[in-house]
């Protein structure tokens, strides 16, 4: 039983690290590049950029887009109590500080047949 609890305690932070490791940018308008429209996104540090065909970030001057007017509204869109319920575990995640508030998980003691 102790081994099962220890495995879960070690497994949950690993699981959380990969489940929250997504693309965190917010889309704000489009920018014309070589005759094609590209989505402008605000990065996690407030930079305005779009993806080039090679997959690299190309940064845009804020006066050419509406990033500067939308940048301050990012914090208003973040949730302080985002709850993720996967059945086996439930996590309350704070997007403002980018860390979990609390974690609940189920440990069952089933007999093997």
Protein backbone atom coordinates (compact mmCIF):
# COMPACT_ATOMS: atom_id res chain seq x y z
CA UNK A 1 0.00 0.00 0.00
CA UNK A 2 2.82 2.41 0.85
CA UNK A 3 4.52 1.65 -2.45
CA UNK A 4 1.34 2.50 -4.33
CA UNK A 5 0.99 5.82 -2.52
CA UNK A 6 4.65 6.67 -3.13
CA UNK A 7 4.29 5.83 -6.83
CA UNK A 8 1.27 8.14 -7.11
CA UNK A 9 3.02 10.94 -5.25
CA UNK A 10 5.94 10.69 -7.66
CA UNK A 11 3.75 10.20 -10.74
CA UNK A 12 1.32 13.11 -10.29
CA UNK A 13 3.91 15.96 -10.56
CA UNK A 14 5.33 14.26 -13.65
CA UNK A 15 1.83 14.03 -15.13
CA UNK A 16 1.08 17.66 -14.30
CA UNK A 17 4.30 18.86 -15.90
CA UNK A 18 3.33 17.34 -19.23
CA UNK A 19 -0.38 18.14 -19.11
CA UNK A 20 0.23 21.89 -18.62
CA UNK A 21 3.11 22.14 -21.10
CA UNK A 22 0.95 23.39 -23.98
CA UNK A 23 1.23 26.32 -26.35
CA UNK A 24 0.26 29.22 -24.11
CA UNK A 25 -0.13 32.02 -26.66
CA UNK A 26 -3.29 34.04 -27.26
CA UNK A 27 -4.29 35.01 -30.80
CA UNK A 28 -4.87 38.71 -31.60
CA UNK A 29 -5.55 39.47 -35.25
CA UNK A 30 -3.55 38.75 -38.37
CA UNK A 31 -0.40 40.08 -40.05
CA UNK A 32 0.30 39.93 -43.79
CA UNK A 33 3.63 38.28 -44.59
CA UNK A 34 4.63 37.56 -48.22
CA UNK A 35 1.02 37.86 -49.33
CA UNK A 36 -0.26 35.41 -46.68
CA UNK A 37 -2.13 36.24 -43.48
CA UNK A 38 -0.47 34.95 -40.30
CA UNK A 39 -2.10 34.81 -36.85
CA UNK A 40 -0.53 37.28 -34.43
CA UNK A 41 -0.08 35.84 -30.96
CA UNK A 42 1.00 37.33 -27.65
CA UNK A 43 3.66 35.19 -26.01
CA UNK A 44 3.93 34.43 -22.33
CA UNK A 45 6.23 37.46 -21.85
CA UNK A 46 4.02 39.88 -23.79
CA UNK A 47 5.79 39.75 -27.15
CA UNK A 48 3.76 39.90 -30.39
CA UNK A 49 4.78 37.31 -32.96
CA UNK A 50 3.58 35.02 -35.72
CA UNK A 51 4.88 31.67 -36.94
CA UNK A 52 6.88 31.61 -40.16
CA UNK A 53 6.50 28.70 -42.62
CA UNK A 54 9.63 27.14 -41.08
CA UNK A 55 7.96 27.18 -37.64
CA UNK A 56 10.07 29.97 -36.13
CA UNK A 57 8.63 32.98 -34.30
CA UNK A 58 8.87 36.27 -36.18
CA UNK A 59 8.23 39.25 -33.94
CA UNK A 60 5.91 42.11 -34.94
CA UNK A 61 6.10 45.75 -33.91
CA UNK A 62 3.22 46.39 -31.50
CA UNK A 63 2.17 49.54 -33.35
CA UNK A 64 1.43 47.41 -36.45
CA UNK A 65 -1.04 45.22 -34.58
CA UNK A 66 -3.56 45.48 -31.78
CA UNK A 67 -1.28 43.60 -29.37
CA UNK A 68 -0.52 46.68 -27.28
CA UNK A 69 -4.21 47.31 -26.59
CA UNK A 70 -4.88 43.68 -25.72
CA UNK A 71 -1.72 42.94 -23.74
CA UNK A 72 -3.11 44.23 -20.43
CA UNK A 73 -6.25 42.09 -20.75
CA UNK A 74 -4.30 38.82 -20.58
CA UNK A 75 -4.34 38.78 -16.78
CA UNK A 76 -8.11 39.35 -16.80
CA UNK A 77 -8.59 36.17 -18.88
CA UNK A 78 -6.54 33.98 -16.52
CA UNK A 79 -8.38 31.83 -14.02
CA UNK A 80 -7.25 31.60 -10.40
CA UNK A 81 -9.17 28.36 -9.78
CA UNK A 82 -9.13 26.19 -12.88
CA UNK A 83 -10.22 22.68 -11.81
CA UNK A 84 -9.19 19.72 -13.93
CA UNK A 85 -11.02 16.49 -13.09
CA UNK A 86 -9.75 13.31 -14.75
CA UNK A 87 -11.64 10.83 -12.54
CA UNK A 88 -8.55 9.43 -10.83
CA UNK A 89 -7.17 12.83 -9.92
CA UNK A 90 -8.51 16.37 -9.57
CA UNK A 91 -6.26 19.43 -9.72
CA UNK A 92 -7.00 23.05 -8.86
CA UNK A 93 -4.62 25.06 -11.04
CA UNK A 94 -3.78 28.75 -10.68
CA UNK A 95 -3.05 30.17 -14.16
CA UNK A 96 -1.86 33.52 -12.79
CA UNK A 97 0.99 31.94 -10.83
CA UNK A 98 1.21 28.87 -13.12
CA UNK A 99 1.17 26.32 -10.33
CA UNK A 100 -1.31 23.92 -8.73
CA UNK A 101 -3.28 25.09 -5.69
CA UNK A 102 -4.15 21.60 -4.50
CA UNK A 103 -4.36 18.02 -5.79
CA UNK A 104 -6.85 15.27 -4.89
CA UNK A 105 -6.37 11.70 -6.04
CA UNK A 106 -8.02 8.34 -5.45
CA UNK A 107 -6.11 5.40 -4.06
CA UNK A 108 -8.00 2.13 -4.09
CA UNK A 109 -7.16 -1.10 -2.36
CA UNK A 110 -8.53 -3.74 -4.75
CA UNK A 111 -7.81 -7.43 -4.48
CA UNK A 112 -6.09 -9.06 -7.41
CA UNK A 113 -7.95 -12.02 -8.88
